[in-house]
């Protein structure tokens, strides 16, 4: 492996967007079967030898960090807590002094086993997916009975503010499915300063039962919520923040509420993210089906410089923005579970 003794270059595409945020899917496997993520018929898993190994993941992290200047990494899946080397990977990421954010997106089912070890290893950003506060609806959406465990684990995380100063709940909003629960999610932010609830617009992916009638845009969510609550708009966390932030303008509501508007008001112009799938494919846009195999480059004996050059060339071909929603609905792409949430 080539040694690195250089200042990191910048990962910049042809539209002058700086990319300092890497999302890595650790596995295609999951212990839930959420409808918008997993096709009802299931998926054909990649052969085990196609999945990146621990050393391969850590080497790519090294290249992206030392060569490309990445300082934010989020681990996804599938369900990342299924992967046995999760703690070792986080320790490896934390070893880079320039790394600011190490995050994980999880369904929360196994989180009780990992909350303290994850934080001790270096995790400092926790996102938990939860689309309903109703047990029966959870089991319908996730096709598994795990509601009580997930709710219990969210409470455990919220009770550890020193380890997790901010816990984010991600809720995919679907017309006729959970739009009647928006205000119930808002209520979670009462007396909970370390909680942020984020509502995510339903997005089309291959085999996720996309139906435009299920799509419920940000403005429609806002209209419902404002009928009950006085919302105060908050500034973005930084120039690349994908969330429109609010809080209920009453003292008892100490948490935050956010909206991710990928379909109705995309944020492509400030995109700073690239993704690596569990089988080692580089995706420079969530919605673009073009991929470049970093796994094959790793296994063919490419040097760090050669892999970095491959990453740069691929990134430079990134489109200005993703296709409109209806075009995405008819375009080929991986199911969400094979991309990484």
C-alpha atoms as a PDB file:
ATOM      1  CA  UNK A   1       0.000   0.000   0.000  1.00  0.00           C
ATOM      2  CA  UNK A   2       1.341   3.408  -0.945  1.00  0.00           C
ATOM      3  CA  UNK A   3       2.299   5.660   1.931  1.00  0.00           C
ATOM      4  CA  UNK A   4       0.656   9.067   2.157  1.00  0.00           C
ATOM      5  CA  UNK A   5       2.627  12.186   3.051  1.00  0.00           C
ATOM      6  CA  UNK A   6       0.657  14.934   1.355  1.00  0.00           C
ATOM      7  CA  UNK A   7      -2.020  17.477   1.954  1.00  0.00           C
ATOM      8  CA  UNK A   8      -5.430  16.154   0.903  1.00  0.00           C
ATOM      9  CA  UNK A   9      -6.730  17.408  -2.414  1.00  0.00           C
ATOM     10  CA  UNK A  10     -10.368  18.389  -2.661  1.00  0.00           C
ATOM     11  CA  UNK A  11     -13.081  16.201  -4.167  1.00  0.00           C
ATOM     12  CA  UNK A  12     -14.716  18.738  -6.489  1.00  0.00           C
ATOM     13  CA  UNK A  13     -17.054  17.965  -9.377  1.00  0.00           C
ATOM     14  CA  UNK A  14     -17.512  19.860 -12.661  1.00  0.00           C
ATOM     15  CA  UNK A  15     -20.051  22.185 -10.990  1.00  0.00           C
ATOM     16  CA  UNK A  16     -17.512  23.204  -8.332  1.00  0.00           C
ATOM     17  CA  UNK A  17     -19.285  21.312  -5.529  1.00  0.00           C
ATOM     18  CA  UNK A  18     -16.949  20.212  -2.758  1.00  0.00           C
ATOM     19  CA  UNK A  19     -17.578  16.662  -1.509  1.00  0.00           C
ATOM     20  CA  UNK A  20     -16.456  16.033   2.056  1.00  0.00           C
ATOM     21  CA  UNK A  21     -19.180  13.573   3.115  1.00  0.00           C
ATOM     22  CA  UNK A  22     -18.949   9.827   2.480  1.00  0.00           C
ATOM     23  CA  UNK A  23     -21.796   7.385   3.111  1.00  0.00           C
ATOM     24  CA  UNK A  24     -20.787   3.723   3.262  1.00  0.00           C
ATOM     25  CA  UNK A  25     -23.237   0.829   3.230  1.00  0.00           C
ATOM     26  CA  UNK A  26     -21.798  -1.986   5.337  1.00  0.00           C
ATOM     27  CA  UNK A  27     -24.252  -4.718   4.397  1.00  0.00           C
ATOM     28  CA  UNK A  28     -27.187  -5.572   2.154  1.00  0.00           C
ATOM     29  CA  UNK A  29     -28.806  -7.554   4.951  1.00  0.00           C
ATOM     30  CA  UNK A  30     -31.497  -6.228   7.263  1.00  0.00           C
ATOM     31  CA  UNK A  31     -33.638  -7.564  10.092  1.00  0.00           C
ATOM     32  CA  UNK A  32     -36.675  -5.578   8.872  1.00  0.00           C
ATOM     33  CA  UNK A  33     -38.415  -5.545   5.482  1.00  0.00           C
ATOM     34  CA  UNK A  34     -39.619  -1.950   5.195  1.00  0.00           C
ATOM     35  CA  UNK A  35     -41.863  -1.447   2.186  1.00  0.00           C
ATOM     36  CA  UNK A  36     -40.150   1.630   0.725  1.00  0.00           C
ATOM     37  CA  UNK A  37     -36.713   0.045   1.054  1.00  0.00           C
ATOM     38  CA  UNK A  38     -37.043  -3.712   0.489  1.00  0.00           C
ATOM     39  CA  UNK A  39     -39.001  -5.246  -2.414  1.00  0.00           C
ATOM     40  CA  UNK A  40     -41.821  -7.472  -1.159  1.00  0.00           C
ATOM     41  CA  UNK A  41     -40.301 -10.472  -2.922  1.00  0.00           C
ATOM     42  CA  UNK A  42     -36.990  -9.804  -1.188  1.00  0.00           C
ATOM     43  CA  UNK A  43     -33.666  -9.260  -2.908  1.00  0.00           C
ATOM     44  CA  UNK A  44     -30.929 -11.418  -4.370  1.00  0.00           C
ATOM     45  CA  UNK A  45     -28.027 -10.788  -2.024  1.00  0.00           C
ATOM     46  CA  UNK A  46     -24.599 -10.330  -3.523  1.00  0.00           C
ATOM     47  CA  UNK A  47     -22.265 -13.296  -3.046  1.00  0.00           C
ATOM     48  CA  UNK A  48     -20.337 -12.968   0.208  1.00  0.00           C
ATOM     49  CA  UNK A  49     -17.036 -12.495  -1.630  1.00  0.00           C
ATOM     50  CA  UNK A  50     -18.475  -9.457  -3.439  1.00  0.00           C
ATOM     51  CA  UNK A  51     -19.014  -7.567  -0.171  1.00  0.00           C
ATOM     52  CA  UNK A  52     -16.208  -5.286   0.964  1.00  0.00           C
ATOM     53  CA  UNK A  53     -14.056  -6.705   3.748  1.00  0.00           C
ATOM     54  CA  UNK A  54     -13.085  -4.804   6.883  1.00  0.00           C
ATOM     55  CA  UNK A  55      -9.641  -4.009   5.486  1.00  0.00           C
ATOM     56  CA  UNK A  56     -11.086  -2.869   2.157  1.00  0.00           C
ATOM     57  CA  UNK A  57     -13.535  -0.528   3.872  1.00  0.00           C
ATOM     58  CA  UNK A  58     -10.795   0.915   6.062  1.00  0.00           C
ATOM     59  CA  UNK A  59      -8.500   1.385   3.077  1.00  0.00           C
ATOM     60  CA  UNK A  60     -11.184   3.279   1.150  1.00  0.00           C
ATOM     61  CA  UNK A  61     -11.848   5.424   4.208  1.00  0.00           C
ATOM     62  CA  UNK A  62      -8.128   6.132   4.356  1.00  0.00           C
ATOM     63  CA  UNK A  63      -8.040   7.200   0.700  1.00  0.00           C
ATOM     64  CA  UNK A  64     -11.143   9.376   0.943  1.00  0.00           C
ATOM     65  CA  UNK A  65      -9.857  10.991   4.136  1.00  0.00           C
ATOM     66  CA  UNK A  66      -6.143  11.455   3.493  1.00  0.00           C
ATOM     67  CA  UNK A  67      -6.374  12.085  -0.246  1.00  0.00           C
ATOM     68  CA  UNK A  68      -9.849  13.572  -0.655  1.00  0.00           C
ATOM     69  CA  UNK A  69     -10.291  15.555   2.551  1.00  0.00           C
ATOM     70  CA  UNK A  70     -13.491  13.780   3.648  1.00  0.00           C
ATOM     71  CA  UNK A  71     -14.305  14.719   7.256  1.00  0.00           C
ATOM     72  CA  UNK A  72     -17.791  13.273   7.660  1.00  0.00           C
ATOM     73  CA  UNK A  73     -18.726   9.601   7.301  1.00  0.00           C
ATOM     74  CA  UNK A  74     -22.057   7.871   7.824  1.00  0.00           C
ATOM     75  CA  UNK A  75     -22.396   4.076   8.012  1.00  0.00           C
ATOM     76  CA  UNK A  76     -25.599   2.637   6.603  1.00  0.00           C
ATOM     77  CA  UNK A  77     -27.038  -0.578   5.210  1.00  0.00           C
ATOM     78  CA  UNK A  78     -29.082  -2.734   5.110  1.00  0.00           C
ATOM     79  CA  UNK A  79     -28.816  -2.625   8.860  1.00  0.00           C
ATOM     80  CA  UNK A  80     -25.250  -1.722   9.890  1.00  0.00           C
ATOM     81  CA  UNK A  81     -25.537  -3.143  13.423  1.00  0.00           C
ATOM     82  CA  UNK A  82     -25.746  -6.611  11.859  1.00  0.00           C
ATOM     83  CA  UNK A  83     -22.143  -6.335  10.749  1.00  0.00           C
ATOM     84  CA  UNK A  84     -19.802  -7.862  13.341  1.00  0.00           C
ATOM     85  CA  UNK A  85     -16.889  -5.535  12.626  1.00  0.00           C
ATOM     86  CA  UNK A  86     -18.931  -2.342  13.091  1.00  0.00           C
ATOM     87  CA  UNK A  87     -17.042  -1.213  16.203  1.00  0.00           C
ATOM     88  CA  UNK A  88     -13.656  -1.890  14.594  1.00  0.00           C
ATOM     89  CA  UNK A  89     -14.639   0.163  11.539  1.00  0.00           C
ATOM     90  CA  UNK A  90     -15.713   3.107  13.715  1.00  0.00           C
ATOM     91  CA  UNK A  91     -12.446   2.928  15.673  1.00  0.00           C
ATOM     92  CA  UNK A  92     -10.594   2.998  12.367  1.00  0.00           C
ATOM     93  CA  UNK A  93     -12.467   6.101  11.233  1.00  0.00           C
ATOM     94  CA  UNK A  94     -11.886   7.836  14.541  1.00  0.00           C
ATOM     95  CA  UNK A  95      -8.122   7.374  14.165  1.00  0.00           C
ATOM     96  CA  UNK A  96      -8.037  10.266  11.655  1.00  0.00           C
ATOM     97  CA  UNK A  97      -7.648  13.566  13.540  1.00  0.00           C
ATOM     98  CA  UNK A  98      -9.409  15.539  10.794  1.00  0.00           C
ATOM     99  CA  UNK A  99     -12.598  13.452  11.054  1.00  0.00           C
ATOM    100  CA  UNK A 100     -15.396  15.610  12.496  1.00  0.00           C
ATOM    101  CA  UNK A 101     -18.498  13.443  12.207  1.00  0.00           C
ATOM    102  CA  UNK A 102     -18.947   9.672  12.403  1.00  0.00           C
ATOM    103  CA  UNK A 103     -22.578   8.704  12.054  1.00  0.00           C
ATOM    104  CA  UNK A 104     -24.788   5.690  11.710  1.00  0.00           C
ATOM    105  CA  UNK A 105     -28.301   5.248  10.346  1.00  0.00           C
ATOM    106  CA  UNK A 106     -30.053   2.307  11.991  1.00  0.00           C
ATOM    107  CA  UNK A 107     -33.521   0.842  12.396  1.00  0.00           C
ATOM    108  CA  UNK A 108     -32.810   0.651  16.126  1.00  0.00           C
ATOM    109  CA  UNK A 109     -33.723  -3.004  16.623  1.00  0.00           C
ATOM    110  CA  UNK A 110     -30.322  -4.024  18.033  1.00  0.00           C
ATOM    111  CA  UNK A 111     -29.282  -0.641  19.362  1.00  0.00           C
ATOM    112  CA  UNK A 112     -29.472  -1.635  23.045  1.00  0.00           C
ATOM    113  CA  UNK A 113     -26.396  -3.811  22.496  1.00  0.00           C
ATOM    114  CA  UNK A 114     -24.346  -1.033  20.921  1.00  0.00           C
ATOM    115  CA  UNK A 115     -25.161   2.388  22.364  1.00  0.00           C
ATOM    116  CA  UNK A 116     -22.228   2.571  24.776  1.00  0.00           C
ATOM    117  CA  UNK A 117     -19.665   0.646  22.658  1.00  0.00           C
ATOM    118  CA  UNK A 118     -20.472   2.784  19.600  1.00  0.00           C
ATOM    119  CA  UNK A 119     -19.928   6.026  21.495  1.00  0.00           C
ATOM    120  CA  UNK A 120     -16.742   4.710  23.096  1.00  0.00           C
ATOM    121  CA  UNK A 121     -15.428   3.778  19.644  1.00  0.00           C
ATOM    122  CA  UNK A 122     -16.039   7.305  18.355  1.00  0.00           C
ATOM    123  CA  UNK A 123     -19.599   7.521  17.027  1.00  0.00           C
ATOM    124  CA  UNK A 124     -21.020  11.016  17.473  1.00  0.00           C
ATOM    125  CA  UNK A 125     -24.090  11.091  15.218  1.00  0.00           C
ATOM    126  CA  UNK A 126     -27.091   8.775  15.579  1.00  0.00           C
ATOM    127  CA  UNK A 127     -30.028   8.549  13.155  1.00  0.00           C
ATOM    128  CA  UNK A 128     -32.859   6.096  13.847  1.00  0.00           C
ATOM    129  CA  UNK A 129     -35.522   5.240  11.277  1.00  0.00           C
ATOM    130  CA  UNK A 130     -39.106   5.198  12.572  1.00  0.00           C
ATOM    131  CA  UNK A 131     -42.120   5.761  10.328  1.00  0.00           C
ATOM    132  CA  UNK A 132     -44.982   5.273  12.756  1.00  0.00           C
ATOM    133  CA  UNK A 133     -45.790   5.426  16.450  1.00  0.00           C
ATOM    134  CA  UNK A 134     -48.486   2.769  16.128  1.00  0.00           C
ATOM    135  CA  UNK A 135     -47.426  -0.823  16.785  1.00  0.00           C
ATOM    136  CA  UNK A 136     -49.754  -2.479  14.266  1.00  0.00           C
ATOM    137  CA  UNK A 137     -48.812  -0.019  11.546  1.00  0.00           C
ATOM    138  CA  UNK A 138     -45.115  -0.556  12.257  1.00  0.00           C
ATOM    139  CA  UNK A 139     -45.523  -4.284  11.710  1.00  0.00           C
ATOM    140  CA  UNK A 140     -47.415  -3.622   8.473  1.00  0.00           C
ATOM    141  CA  UNK A 141     -44.721  -1.274   7.142  1.00  0.00           C
ATOM    142  CA  UNK A 142     -41.681  -3.193   8.396  1.00  0.00           C
ATOM    143  CA  UNK A 143     -43.182  -6.659   7.884  1.00  0.00           C
ATOM    144  CA  UNK A 144     -41.631  -7.617  11.233  1.00  0.00           C
ATOM    145  CA  UNK A 145     -42.666  -7.386  14.912  1.00  0.00           C
ATOM    146  CA  UNK A 146     -40.029  -5.123  16.459  1.00  0.00           C
ATOM    147  CA  UNK A 147     -41.900  -1.963  17.461  1.00  0.00           C
ATOM    148  CA  UNK A 148     -41.502  -2.262  21.232  1.00  0.00           C
ATOM    149  CA  UNK A 149     -37.785  -2.924  20.967  1.00  0.00           C
ATOM    150  CA  UNK A 150     -37.228   0.074  18.668  1.00  0.00           C
ATOM    151  CA  UNK A 151     -39.195   2.467  20.894  1.00  0.00           C
ATOM    152  CA  UNK A 152     -37.357   1.196  23.986  1.00  0.00           C
ATOM    153  CA  UNK A 153     -33.995   1.696  22.291  1.00  0.00           C
ATOM    154  CA  UNK A 154     -34.856   5.230  21.190  1.00  0.00           C
ATOM    155  CA  UNK A 155     -35.651   6.057  24.817  1.00  0.00           C
ATOM    156  CA  UNK A 156     -32.364   4.499  25.906  1.00  0.00           C
ATOM    157  CA  UNK A 157     -30.463   6.696  23.453  1.00  0.00           C
ATOM    158  CA  UNK A 158     -32.323   9.815  24.555  1.00  0.00           C
ATOM    159  CA  UNK A 159     -31.409   9.004  28.162  1.00  0.00           C
ATOM    160  CA  UNK A 160     -27.703   9.245  27.242  1.00  0.00           C
ATOM    161  CA  UNK A 161     -27.351  12.944  26.334  1.00  0.00           C
ATOM    162  CA  UNK A 162     -23.656  13.008  27.231  1.00  0.00           C
ATOM    163  CA  UNK A 163     -22.997  10.255  24.687  1.00  0.00           C
ATOM    164  CA  UNK A 164     -25.623  11.376  22.171  1.00  0.00           C
ATOM    165  CA  UNK A 165     -26.267  15.132  22.406  1.00  0.00           C
ATOM    166  CA  UNK A 166     -28.645  14.859  19.442  1.00  0.00           C
ATOM    167  CA  UNK A 167     -30.663  11.822  18.367  1.00  0.00           C
ATOM    168  CA  UNK A 168     -32.404  12.130  14.996  1.00  0.00           C
ATOM    169  CA  UNK A 169     -35.543  10.168  14.145  1.00  0.00           C
ATOM    170  CA  UNK A 170     -36.050   9.792  10.390  1.00  0.00           C
ATOM    171  CA  UNK A 171     -39.663   9.355   9.293  1.00  0.00           C
ATOM    172  CA  UNK A 172     -40.550   8.667   5.652  1.00  0.00           C
ATOM    173  CA  UNK A 173     -43.951  10.287   5.102  1.00  0.00           C
ATOM    174  CA  UNK A 174     -46.449   8.466   2.869  1.00  0.00           C
ATOM    175  CA  UNK A 175     -49.880   9.753   1.949  1.00  0.00           C
ATOM    176  CA  UNK A 176     -52.612   7.669   3.540  1.00  0.00           C
ATOM    177  CA  UNK A 177     -50.098   5.684   5.602  1.00  0.00           C
ATOM    178  CA  UNK A 178     -48.676   7.950   8.291  1.00  0.00           C
ATOM    179  CA  UNK A 179     -49.744  11.502   7.394  1.00  0.00           C
ATOM    180  CA  UNK A 180     -52.213  11.305  10.272  1.00  0.00           C
ATOM    181  CA  UNK A 181     -49.285  10.962  12.711  1.00  0.00           C
ATOM    182  CA  UNK A 182     -47.305  14.107  11.869  1.00  0.00           C
ATOM    183  CA  UNK A 183     -48.427  15.935  14.987  1.00  0.00           C
ATOM    184  CA  UNK A 184     -47.793  12.870  17.137  1.00  0.00           C
ATOM    185  CA  UNK A 185     -44.168  12.958  15.999  1.00  0.00           C
ATOM    186  CA  UNK A 186     -44.026  16.683  16.745  1.00  0.00           C
ATOM    187  CA  UNK A 187     -45.123  15.914  20.307  1.00  0.00           C
ATOM    188  CA  UNK A 188     -41.994  13.815  20.778  1.00  0.00           C
ATOM    189  CA  UNK A 189     -39.968  17.046  20.769  1.00  0.00           C
ATOM    190  CA  UNK A 190     -41.717  18.299  23.914  1.00  0.00           C
ATOM    191  CA  UNK A 191     -39.241  18.460  26.836  1.00  0.00           C
ATOM    192  CA  UNK A 192     -36.658  16.626  24.740  1.00  0.00           C
ATOM    193  CA  UNK A 193     -33.744  18.944  23.864  1.00  0.00           C
ATOM    194  CA  UNK A 194     -31.597  16.185  22.373  1.00  0.00           C
ATOM    195  CA  UNK A 195     -34.224  14.983  19.871  1.00  0.00           C
ATOM    196  CA  UNK A 196     -34.719  16.020  16.253  1.00  0.00           C
ATOM    197  CA  UNK A 197     -37.569  14.547  14.217  1.00  0.00           C
ATOM    198  CA  UNK A 198     -37.026  14.672  10.453  1.00  0.00           C
ATOM    199  CA  UNK A 199     -39.817  14.085   7.961  1.00  0.00           C
ATOM    200  CA  UNK A 200     -38.554  12.706   4.647  1.00  0.00           C
ATOM    201  CA  UNK A 201     -40.462  12.899   1.387  1.00  0.00           C
ATOM    202  CA  UNK A 202     -41.261   9.495  -0.114  1.00  0.00           C
ATOM    203  CA  UNK A 203     -38.863   8.802  -2.991  1.00  0.00           C
ATOM    204  CA  UNK A 204     -39.064   6.379  -5.942  1.00  0.00           C
ATOM    205  CA  UNK A 205     -36.629   3.461  -6.077  1.00  0.00           C
ATOM    206  CA  UNK A 206     -36.724   0.161  -7.929  1.00  0.00           C
ATOM    207  CA  UNK A 207     -39.391  -2.210  -6.584  1.00  0.00           C
ATOM    208  CA  UNK A 208     -40.397  -0.047  -3.606  1.00  0.00           C
ATOM    209  CA  UNK A 209     -44.088   0.094  -4.569  1.00  0.00           C
ATOM    210  CA  UNK A 210     -43.704   3.704  -5.667  1.00  0.00           C
ATOM    211  CA  UNK A 211     -47.030   5.347  -6.275  1.00  0.00           C
ATOM    212  CA  UNK A 212     -47.421   9.063  -6.812  1.00  0.00           C
ATOM    213  CA  UNK A 213     -50.574   8.920  -4.695  1.00  0.00           C
ATOM    214  CA  UNK A 214     -48.362   8.032  -1.714  1.00  0.00           C
ATOM    215  CA  UNK A 215     -46.143  11.057  -2.266  1.00  0.00           C
ATOM    216  CA  UNK A 216     -46.781  13.798   0.295  1.00  0.00           C
ATOM    217  CA  UNK A 217     -44.719  16.952  -0.221  1.00  0.00           C
ATOM    218  CA  UNK A 218     -43.099  19.150   2.381  1.00  0.00           C
ATOM    219  CA  UNK A 219     -45.549  22.021   1.934  1.00  0.00           C
ATOM    220  CA  UNK A 220     -48.486  19.687   2.597  1.00  0.00           C
ATOM    221  CA  UNK A 221     -46.813  18.415   5.781  1.00  0.00           C
ATOM    222  CA  UNK A 222     -46.143  21.975   6.895  1.00  0.00           C
ATOM    223  CA  UNK A 223     -49.760  22.950   6.300  1.00  0.00           C
ATOM    224  CA  UNK A 224     -51.052  20.187   8.583  1.00  0.00           C
ATOM    225  CA  UNK A 225     -48.556  20.910  11.332  1.00  0.00           C
ATOM    226  CA  UNK A 226     -49.127  24.675  11.276  1.00  0.00           C
ATOM    227  CA  UNK A 227     -52.829  24.146  11.892  1.00  0.00           C
ATOM    228  CA  UNK A 228     -51.882  23.082  15.426  1.00  0.00           C
ATOM    229  CA  UNK A 229     -48.433  24.500  16.101  1.00  0.00           C
ATOM    230  CA  UNK A 230     -46.687  27.837  15.779  1.00  0.00           C
ATOM    231  CA  UNK A 231     -43.437  26.912  14.048  1.00  0.00           C
ATOM    232  CA  UNK A 232     -40.275  28.981  14.138  1.00  0.00           C
ATOM    233  CA  UNK A 233     -37.907  28.480  11.231  1.00  0.00           C
ATOM    234  CA  UNK A 234     -34.288  27.820  12.207  1.00  0.00           C
ATOM    235  CA  UNK A 235     -31.120  28.459  10.214  1.00  0.00           C
ATOM    236  CA  UNK A 236     -29.385  25.501   8.521  1.00  0.00           C
ATOM    237  CA  UNK A 237     -26.568  23.833  10.412  1.00  0.00           C
ATOM    238  CA  UNK A 238     -24.190  24.560   7.534  1.00  0.00           C
ATOM    239  CA  UNK A 239     -24.278  25.374   3.810  1.00  0.00           C
ATOM    240  CA  UNK A 240     -24.651  21.677   2.878  1.00  0.00           C
ATOM    241  CA  UNK A 241     -27.471  20.918   5.322  1.00  0.00           C
ATOM    242  CA  UNK A 242     -30.200  18.953   3.533  1.00  0.00           C
ATOM    243  CA  UNK A 243     -32.788  19.620   6.245  1.00  0.00           C
ATOM    244  CA  UNK A 244     -35.160  22.555   6.589  1.00  0.00           C
ATOM    245  CA  UNK A 245     -35.224  23.056  10.359  1.00  0.00           C
ATOM    246  CA  UNK A 246     -38.008  24.319  12.620  1.00  0.00           C
ATOM    247  CA  UNK A 247     -39.016  24.222  16.247  1.00  0.00           C
ATOM    248  CA  UNK A 248     -42.370  24.652  17.922  1.00  0.00           C
ATOM    249  CA  UNK A 249     -42.369  28.192  19.296  1.00  0.00           C
ATOM    250  CA  UNK A 250     -43.287  27.240  22.836  1.00  0.00           C
ATOM    251  CA  UNK A 251     -40.862  26.796  25.726  1.00  0.00           C
ATOM    252  CA  UNK A 252     -41.871  23.209  26.442  1.00  0.00           C
ATOM    253  CA  UNK A 253     -40.887  22.059  22.937  1.00  0.00           C
ATOM    254  CA  UNK A 254     -37.124  21.868  23.195  1.00  0.00           C
ATOM    255  CA  UNK A 255     -36.399  19.512  20.321  1.00  0.00           C
ATOM    256  CA  UNK A 256     -36.230  20.294  16.606  1.00  0.00           C
ATOM    257  CA  UNK A 257     -38.340  19.351  13.595  1.00  0.00           C
ATOM    258  CA  UNK A 258     -36.896  19.013  10.104  1.00  0.00           C
ATOM    259  CA  UNK A 259     -38.004  18.292   6.556  1.00  0.00           C
ATOM    260  CA  UNK A 260     -35.924  16.598   3.855  1.00  0.00           C
ATOM    261  CA  UNK A 261     -37.406  17.751   0.554  1.00  0.00           C
ATOM    262  CA  UNK A 262     -35.553  15.630  -2.003  1.00  0.00           C
ATOM    263  CA  UNK A 263     -38.470  15.618  -4.446  1.00  0.00           C
ATOM    264  CA  UNK A 264     -40.285  18.937  -4.044  1.00  0.00           C
ATOM    265  CA  UNK A 265     -37.288  21.224  -3.398  1.00  0.00           C
ATOM    266  CA  UNK A 266     -34.093  19.319  -4.138  1.00  0.00           C
ATOM    267  CA  UNK A 267     -30.740  20.464  -2.774  1.00  0.00           C
ATOM    268  CA  UNK A 268     -28.510  19.226  -5.593  1.00  0.00           C
ATOM    269  CA  UNK A 269     -26.719  22.569  -5.934  1.00  0.00           C
ATOM    270  CA  UNK A 270     -25.116  22.137  -2.504  1.00  0.00           C
ATOM    271  CA  UNK A 271     -24.684  18.355  -2.569  1.00  0.00           C
ATOM    272  CA  UNK A 272     -21.483  17.264  -0.818  1.00  0.00           C
ATOM    273  CA  UNK A 273     -22.148  13.510  -0.634  1.00  0.00           C
ATOM    274  CA  UNK A 274     -20.862  10.389  -2.356  1.00  0.00           C
ATOM    275  CA  UNK A 275     -21.780   6.788  -1.547  1.00  0.00           C
ATOM    276  CA  UNK A 276     -20.148   3.401  -1.525  1.00  0.00           C
ATOM    277  CA  UNK A 277     -22.438   0.381  -1.687  1.00  0.00           C
ATOM    278  CA  UNK A 278     -21.816  -2.754   0.363  1.00  0.00           C
ATOM    279  CA  UNK A 279     -20.434  -4.456  -2.738  1.00  0.00           C
ATOM    280  CA  UNK A 280     -17.968  -1.655  -3.330  1.00  0.00           C
ATOM    281  CA  UNK A 281     -19.599   0.459  -6.043  1.00  0.00           C
ATOM    282  CA  UNK A 282     -19.100   4.210  -5.993  1.00  0.00           C
ATOM    283  CA  UNK A 283     -22.326   6.160  -6.529  1.00  0.00           C
ATOM    284  CA  UNK A 284     -21.903   9.904  -6.809  1.00  0.00           C
ATOM    285  CA  UNK A 285     -25.682  10.480  -6.662  1.00  0.00           C
ATOM    286  CA  UNK A 286     -28.334   8.525  -4.793  1.00  0.00           C
ATOM    287  CA  UNK A 287     -30.671   8.669  -7.800  1.00  0.00           C
ATOM    288  CA  UNK A 288     -28.145   7.993 -10.569  1.00  0.00           C
ATOM    289  CA  UNK A 289     -27.799   4.386 -11.662  1.00  0.00           C
ATOM    290  CA  UNK A 290     -24.244   4.863 -12.936  1.00  0.00           C
ATOM    291  CA  UNK A 291     -21.641   3.181 -10.734  1.00  0.00           C
ATOM    292  CA  UNK A 292     -17.891   2.630 -10.613  1.00  0.00           C
ATOM    293  CA  UNK A 293     -16.409  -0.439  -8.918  1.00  0.00           C
ATOM    294  CA  UNK A 294     -13.878   0.546  -6.278  1.00  0.00           C
ATOM    295  CA  UNK A 295     -13.888  -3.065  -5.107  1.00  0.00           C
ATOM    296  CA  UNK A 296     -12.494  -4.242  -8.432  1.00  0.00           C
ATOM    297  CA  UNK A 297      -9.847  -1.522  -8.320  1.00  0.00           C
ATOM    298  CA  UNK A 298      -8.839  -2.559  -4.810  1.00  0.00           C
ATOM    299  CA  UNK A 299      -8.606  -6.212  -5.759  1.00  0.00           C
ATOM    300  CA  UNK A 300      -6.717  -5.618  -8.993  1.00  0.00           C
ATOM    301  CA  UNK A 301      -3.752  -4.188  -7.098  1.00  0.00           C
ATOM    302  CA  UNK A 302      -4.359  -0.486  -7.779  1.00  0.00           C
ATOM    303  CA  UNK A 303      -2.360   1.930  -5.660  1.00  0.00           C
ATOM    304  CA  UNK A 304      -3.996   4.491  -3.372  1.00  0.00           C
ATOM    305  CA  UNK A 305      -3.171   7.224  -5.916  1.00  0.00           C
ATOM    306  CA  UNK A 306      -4.778   5.242  -8.734  1.00  0.00           C
ATOM    307  CA  UNK A 307      -7.945   4.632  -6.724  1.00  0.00           C
ATOM    308  CA  UNK A 308      -8.096   8.292  -5.731  1.00  0.00           C
ATOM    309  CA  UNK A 309      -7.727   9.279  -9.379  1.00  0.00           C
ATOM    310  CA  UNK A 310     -10.576   6.900 -10.274  1.00  0.00           C
ATOM    311  CA  UNK A 311     -12.767   8.509  -7.603  1.00  0.00           C
ATOM    312  CA  UNK A 312     -11.973  11.988  -8.935  1.00  0.00           C
ATOM    313  CA  UNK A 313     -12.745  11.043 -12.537  1.00  0.00           C
ATOM    314  CA  UNK A 314     -16.042   9.432 -11.552  1.00  0.00           C
ATOM    315  CA  UNK A 315     -17.062  12.389  -9.401  1.00  0.00           C
ATOM    316  CA  UNK A 316     -16.329  14.812 -12.209  1.00  0.00           C
ATOM    317  CA  UNK A 317     -19.089  13.148 -14.263  1.00  0.00           C
ATOM    318  CA  UNK A 318     -21.725  13.841 -11.602  1.00  0.00           C
ATOM    319  CA  UNK A 319     -24.850  15.443 -13.027  1.00  0.00           C
ATOM    320  CA  UNK A 320     -25.947  18.947 -12.069  1.00  0.00           C
ATOM    321  CA  UNK A 321     -29.154  17.603 -10.498  1.00  0.00           C
ATOM    322  CA  UNK A 322     -31.216  14.438 -10.323  1.00  0.00           C
ATOM    323  CA  UNK A 323     -34.131  13.694 -12.650  1.00  0.00           C
ATOM    324  CA  UNK A 324     -37.640  14.933 -11.852  1.00  0.00           C
ATOM    325  CA  UNK A 325     -39.693  12.665  -9.597  1.00  0.00           C
ATOM    326  CA  UNK A 326     -41.843  11.112 -12.311  1.00  0.00           C
ATOM    327  CA  UNK A 327     -38.791  10.339 -14.441  1.00  0.00           C
ATOM    328  CA  UNK A 328     -37.058   8.747 -11.448  1.00  0.00           C
ATOM    329  CA  UNK A 329     -40.107   6.535 -10.974  1.00  0.00           C
ATOM    330  CA  UNK A 330     -39.546   4.937 -14.395  1.00  0.00           C
ATOM    331  CA  UNK A 331     -35.736   4.847 -14.387  1.00  0.00           C
ATOM    332  CA  UNK A 332     -33.686   1.832 -13.397  1.00  0.00           C
ATOM    333  CA  UNK A 333     -31.777   1.954 -10.127  1.00  0.00           C
ATOM    334  CA  UNK A 334     -31.013  -0.349  -7.244  1.00  0.00           C
ATOM    335  CA  UNK A 335     -33.585  -0.891  -4.501  1.00  0.00           C
ATOM    336  CA  UNK A 336     -32.786   1.372  -1.571  1.00  0.00           C
ATOM    337  CA  UNK A 337     -31.508  -1.513   0.543  1.00  0.00           C
ATOM    338  CA  UNK A 338     -28.803  -2.248  -2.069  1.00  0.00           C
ATOM    339  CA  UNK A 339     -27.718   1.399  -2.186  1.00  0.00           C
ATOM    340  CA  UNK A 340     -27.600   2.227   1.500  1.00  0.00           C
ATOM    341  CA  UNK A 341     -29.980   4.517   3.369  1.00  0.00           C
END
